[in-house]
């Protein structure tokens, strides 16, 4: 976002409720293979926060995209350098590498194309758009590559 505050789309009360319900289902092991509960410790409180998330796979690499922009989980993950992904009884702690804007177009395209029914409303370009259509948007969408924990 050029010159202004970082982009953040605040969820409505109903969305927060649905996220809690969806997170509980994923936590119980119910969901598609790309659904996880992201867990990250707070930057100041060290409290464990969680939110449901879709993991995008592109080739052999996995990515997290924040369609709402600079969320608290993004800030906490950036600060901590790692998150845990949980589904059912399985929990995987992964290191993060934040993507530079130049790396994001292909990842944003893959993310939107894969999850368009739930995330299209956060993107001003339609699913199926070429990667170049995402270049002007990259600064507004934090994205991370998931790496093996060091």
C-alpha atoms as a PDB file:
ATOM      1  CA  UNK A   1       0.000   0.000   0.000  1.00  0.00           C
ATOM      2  CA  UNK A   2       1.662   3.170  -1.146  1.00  0.00           C
ATOM      3  CA  UNK A   3       2.235   5.692   1.616  1.00  0.00           C
ATOM      4  CA  UNK A   4      -0.687   4.801   3.886  1.00  0.00           C
ATOM      5  CA  UNK A   5      -1.371   2.505   6.782  1.00  0.00           C
ATOM      6  CA  UNK A   6      -0.967  -1.221   6.053  1.00  0.00           C
ATOM      7  CA  UNK A   7      -4.079  -2.818   4.577  1.00  0.00           C
ATOM      8  CA  UNK A   8      -6.207  -4.787   7.042  1.00  0.00           C
ATOM      9  CA  UNK A   9      -9.748  -6.053   6.474  1.00  0.00           C
ATOM     10  CA  UNK A  10     -11.361  -6.522   9.878  1.00  0.00           C
ATOM     11  CA  UNK A  11     -13.673  -9.549  10.133  1.00  0.00           C
ATOM     12  CA  UNK A  12     -17.276  -8.895  11.065  1.00  0.00           C
ATOM     13  CA  UNK A  13     -18.698 -10.457  14.230  1.00  0.00           C
ATOM     14  CA  UNK A  14     -20.356 -13.270  12.244  1.00  0.00           C
ATOM     15  CA  UNK A  15     -17.075 -14.014  10.459  1.00  0.00           C
ATOM     16  CA  UNK A  16     -15.259 -14.251  13.795  1.00  0.00           C
ATOM     17  CA  UNK A  17     -17.887 -16.697  15.059  1.00  0.00           C
ATOM     18  CA  UNK A  18     -17.670 -18.809  11.892  1.00  0.00           C
ATOM     19  CA  UNK A  19     -13.859 -18.808  12.110  1.00  0.00           C
ATOM     20  CA  UNK A  20     -14.076 -20.142  15.675  1.00  0.00           C
ATOM     21  CA  UNK A  21     -16.479 -22.893  14.596  1.00  0.00           C
ATOM     22  CA  UNK A  22     -14.384 -23.749  11.543  1.00  0.00           C
ATOM     23  CA  UNK A  23     -11.215 -23.749  13.663  1.00  0.00           C
ATOM     24  CA  UNK A  24     -12.847 -26.163  16.119  1.00  0.00           C
ATOM     25  CA  UNK A  25     -13.733 -28.550  13.267  1.00  0.00           C
ATOM     26  CA  UNK A  26     -10.202 -28.437  11.878  1.00  0.00           C
ATOM     27  CA  UNK A  27      -8.810 -28.887  15.383  1.00  0.00           C
ATOM     28  CA  UNK A  28     -10.929 -32.024  15.619  1.00  0.00           C
ATOM     29  CA  UNK A  29      -9.411 -33.287  12.359  1.00  0.00           C
ATOM     30  CA  UNK A  30     -12.361 -32.427  10.117  1.00  0.00           C
ATOM     31  CA  UNK A  31     -11.505 -30.532   6.959  1.00  0.00           C
ATOM     32  CA  UNK A  32      -9.768 -30.674   3.624  1.00  0.00           C
ATOM     33  CA  UNK A  33      -6.033 -31.414   3.369  1.00  0.00           C
ATOM     34  CA  UNK A  34      -5.150 -27.717   2.984  1.00  0.00           C
ATOM     35  CA  UNK A  35      -7.077 -26.636   6.110  1.00  0.00           C
ATOM     36  CA  UNK A  36      -5.045 -26.048   9.253  1.00  0.00           C
ATOM     37  CA  UNK A  37      -5.293 -24.153  12.493  1.00  0.00           C
ATOM     38  CA  UNK A  38      -2.359 -21.756  12.617  1.00  0.00           C
ATOM     39  CA  UNK A  39      -0.980 -21.284  16.128  1.00  0.00           C
ATOM     40  CA  UNK A  40       1.425 -18.492  17.010  1.00  0.00           C
ATOM     41  CA  UNK A  41       2.560 -16.879  20.242  1.00  0.00           C
ATOM     42  CA  UNK A  42       1.815 -13.205  20.796  1.00  0.00           C
ATOM     43  CA  UNK A  43       4.710 -10.773  20.372  1.00  0.00           C
ATOM     44  CA  UNK A  44       4.138  -9.109  23.734  1.00  0.00           C
ATOM     45  CA  UNK A  45       1.907 -11.442  25.737  1.00  0.00           C
ATOM     46  CA  UNK A  46       3.407 -14.796  24.636  1.00  0.00           C
ATOM     47  CA  UNK A  47      -0.210 -16.014  24.704  1.00  0.00           C
ATOM     48  CA  UNK A  48      -0.998 -18.712  22.121  1.00  0.00           C
ATOM     49  CA  UNK A  49      -3.329 -17.439  19.394  1.00  0.00           C
ATOM     50  CA  UNK A  50      -4.975 -19.575  16.729  1.00  0.00           C
ATOM     51  CA  UNK A  51      -6.862 -19.040  13.504  1.00  0.00           C
ATOM     52  CA  UNK A  52      -7.988 -21.316  10.657  1.00  0.00           C
ATOM     53  CA  UNK A  53      -5.909 -20.956   7.515  1.00  0.00           C
ATOM     54  CA  UNK A  54      -5.449 -22.441   4.042  1.00  0.00           C
ATOM     55  CA  UNK A  55      -1.972 -23.640   3.107  1.00  0.00           C
ATOM     56  CA  UNK A  56      -1.136 -23.154  -0.562  1.00  0.00           C
ATOM     57  CA  UNK A  57       1.142 -25.592  -2.345  1.00  0.00           C
ATOM     58  CA  UNK A  58       3.024 -24.482  -5.436  1.00  0.00           C
ATOM     59  CA  UNK A  59       5.337 -27.142  -6.813  1.00  0.00           C
ATOM     60  CA  UNK A  60       6.968 -28.724  -3.773  1.00  0.00           C
ATOM     61  CA  UNK A  61       6.777 -25.573  -1.636  1.00  0.00           C
ATOM     62  CA  UNK A  62       4.100 -24.547   0.852  1.00  0.00           C
ATOM     63  CA  UNK A  63       2.930 -21.004   1.536  1.00  0.00           C
ATOM     64  CA  UNK A  64       0.733 -18.960   3.845  1.00  0.00           C
ATOM     65  CA  UNK A  65      -1.089 -15.926   2.452  1.00  0.00           C
ATOM     66  CA  UNK A  66      -2.917 -13.314   4.527  1.00  0.00           C
ATOM     67  CA  UNK A  67      -5.858 -12.196   2.367  1.00  0.00           C
ATOM     68  CA  UNK A  68      -6.972  -9.717   5.045  1.00  0.00           C
ATOM     69  CA  UNK A  69      -3.569  -8.006   5.022  1.00  0.00           C
ATOM     70  CA  UNK A  70      -1.591  -7.057   8.135  1.00  0.00           C
ATOM     71  CA  UNK A  71      -3.451  -9.210  10.646  1.00  0.00           C
ATOM     72  CA  UNK A  72      -2.309  -9.954  14.178  1.00  0.00           C
ATOM     73  CA  UNK A  73      -1.256 -13.464  13.169  1.00  0.00           C
ATOM     74  CA  UNK A  74       0.961 -11.937  10.463  1.00  0.00           C
ATOM     75  CA  UNK A  75       2.617  -9.558  12.935  1.00  0.00           C
ATOM     76  CA  UNK A  76       3.095 -12.313  15.502  1.00  0.00           C
ATOM     77  CA  UNK A  77       4.433 -14.778  12.917  1.00  0.00           C
ATOM     78  CA  UNK A  78       6.816 -12.178  11.518  1.00  0.00           C
ATOM     79  CA  UNK A  79       8.099 -11.452  15.026  1.00  0.00           C
ATOM     80  CA  UNK A  80       8.435 -15.098  16.067  1.00  0.00           C
ATOM     81  CA  UNK A  81       9.752 -16.470  12.769  1.00  0.00           C
ATOM     82  CA  UNK A  82       7.745 -19.647  13.200  1.00  0.00           C
ATOM     83  CA  UNK A  83       4.208 -20.952  13.581  1.00  0.00           C
ATOM     84  CA  UNK A  84       2.569 -24.278  14.276  1.00  0.00           C
ATOM     85  CA  UNK A  85       0.055 -25.847  11.919  1.00  0.00           C
ATOM     86  CA  UNK A  86      -2.443 -28.135  13.600  1.00  0.00           C
ATOM     87  CA  UNK A  87      -5.160 -30.462  12.336  1.00  0.00           C
ATOM     88  CA  UNK A  88      -6.601 -33.069  14.629  1.00  0.00           C
ATOM     89  CA  UNK A  89      -3.849 -34.559  16.786  1.00  0.00           C
ATOM     90  CA  UNK A  90      -1.140 -33.644  14.260  1.00  0.00           C
ATOM     91  CA  UNK A  91       0.911 -30.526  14.994  1.00  0.00           C
ATOM     92  CA  UNK A  92       3.819 -29.313  12.871  1.00  0.00           C
ATOM     93  CA  UNK A  93       6.047 -26.382  13.821  1.00  0.00           C
ATOM     94  CA  UNK A  94       7.526 -24.651  10.789  1.00  0.00           C
ATOM     95  CA  UNK A  95       9.931 -21.794  10.241  1.00  0.00           C
ATOM     96  CA  UNK A  96       8.811 -18.911   8.051  1.00  0.00           C
ATOM     97  CA  UNK A  97      10.460 -16.930   5.315  1.00  0.00           C
ATOM     98  CA  UNK A  98       8.553 -13.804   4.371  1.00  0.00           C
ATOM     99  CA  UNK A  99       8.308 -13.371   0.627  1.00  0.00           C
ATOM    100  CA  UNK A 100       9.537 -10.231  -1.081  1.00  0.00           C
ATOM    101  CA  UNK A 101       6.933  -8.504  -3.242  1.00  0.00           C
ATOM    102  CA  UNK A 102       8.714  -9.704  -6.403  1.00  0.00           C
ATOM    103  CA  UNK A 103       8.125 -13.333  -5.310  1.00  0.00           C
ATOM    104  CA  UNK A 104       4.423 -12.980  -4.566  1.00  0.00           C
ATOM    105  CA  UNK A 105       2.549 -12.830  -7.918  1.00  0.00           C
ATOM    106  CA  UNK A 106       2.673 -16.586  -8.627  1.00  0.00           C
ATOM    107  CA  UNK A 107       1.850 -17.423  -4.995  1.00  0.00           C
ATOM    108  CA  UNK A 108      -1.070 -14.976  -4.804  1.00  0.00           C
ATOM    109  CA  UNK A 109      -2.429 -16.312  -8.102  1.00  0.00           C
ATOM    110  CA  UNK A 110      -2.180 -19.924  -6.904  1.00  0.00           C
ATOM    111  CA  UNK A 111      -3.841 -19.000  -3.608  1.00  0.00           C
ATOM    112  CA  UNK A 112      -6.737 -17.136  -5.219  1.00  0.00           C
ATOM    113  CA  UNK A 113      -7.247 -19.772  -7.920  1.00  0.00           C
ATOM    114  CA  UNK A 114      -7.309 -22.574  -5.338  1.00  0.00           C
ATOM    115  CA  UNK A 115      -9.584 -20.902  -2.759  1.00  0.00           C
ATOM    116  CA  UNK A 116     -11.584 -18.435  -4.847  1.00  0.00           C
ATOM    117  CA  UNK A 117     -14.941 -19.283  -3.304  1.00  0.00           C
ATOM    118  CA  UNK A 118     -13.798 -18.130   0.125  1.00  0.00           C
ATOM    119  CA  UNK A 119     -11.180 -15.457  -0.626  1.00  0.00           C
ATOM    120  CA  UNK A 120     -12.174 -13.776  -3.905  1.00  0.00           C
ATOM    121  CA  UNK A 121     -13.841 -10.950  -1.958  1.00  0.00           C
ATOM    122  CA  UNK A 122     -10.430  -9.886  -0.602  1.00  0.00           C
ATOM    123  CA  UNK A 123      -8.853  -9.482  -4.048  1.00  0.00           C
ATOM    124  CA  UNK A 124      -9.638  -6.770  -6.611  1.00  0.00           C
ATOM    125  CA  UNK A 125      -8.619  -9.069  -9.486  1.00  0.00           C
ATOM    126  CA  UNK A 126     -10.651 -12.139 -10.454  1.00  0.00           C
ATOM    127  CA  UNK A 127      -9.465 -15.704  -9.997  1.00  0.00           C
ATOM    128  CA  UNK A 128      -7.799 -16.932 -13.161  1.00  0.00           C
ATOM    129  CA  UNK A 129      -6.020 -13.629 -13.751  1.00  0.00           C
ATOM    130  CA  UNK A 130      -2.410 -13.831 -14.963  1.00  0.00           C
ATOM    131  CA  UNK A 131       0.401 -13.394 -12.398  1.00  0.00           C
ATOM    132  CA  UNK A 132       1.181  -9.908 -13.732  1.00  0.00           C
ATOM    133  CA  UNK A 133      -2.267  -8.731 -12.565  1.00  0.00           C
ATOM    134  CA  UNK A 134      -1.107  -9.339  -8.978  1.00  0.00           C
ATOM    135  CA  UNK A 135       2.087  -7.236  -9.168  1.00  0.00           C
ATOM    136  CA  UNK A 136       0.421  -3.949  -8.106  1.00  0.00           C
ATOM    137  CA  UNK A 137      -1.232  -5.759  -5.160  1.00  0.00           C
ATOM    138  CA  UNK A 138       1.777  -7.514  -3.659  1.00  0.00           C
ATOM    139  CA  UNK A 139       2.529  -4.977  -0.922  1.00  0.00           C
ATOM    140  CA  UNK A 140      -0.997  -5.433   0.484  1.00  0.00           C
ATOM    141  CA  UNK A 141      -0.823  -9.223   0.932  1.00  0.00           C
ATOM    142  CA  UNK A 142       1.743 -10.661   3.360  1.00  0.00           C
ATOM    143  CA  UNK A 143       2.920 -14.114   2.313  1.00  0.00           C
ATOM    144  CA  UNK A 144       5.333 -16.612   3.837  1.00  0.00           C
ATOM    145  CA  UNK A 145       7.078 -19.740   2.640  1.00  0.00           C
ATOM    146  CA  UNK A 146       6.894 -22.610   5.131  1.00  0.00           C
ATOM    147  CA  UNK A 147      10.301 -24.140   5.860  1.00  0.00           C
ATOM    148  CA  UNK A 148      11.539 -27.047   7.918  1.00  0.00           C
ATOM    149  CA  UNK A 149      12.141 -25.852  11.463  1.00  0.00           C
ATOM    150  CA  UNK A 150      15.789 -25.191  12.221  1.00  0.00           C
END
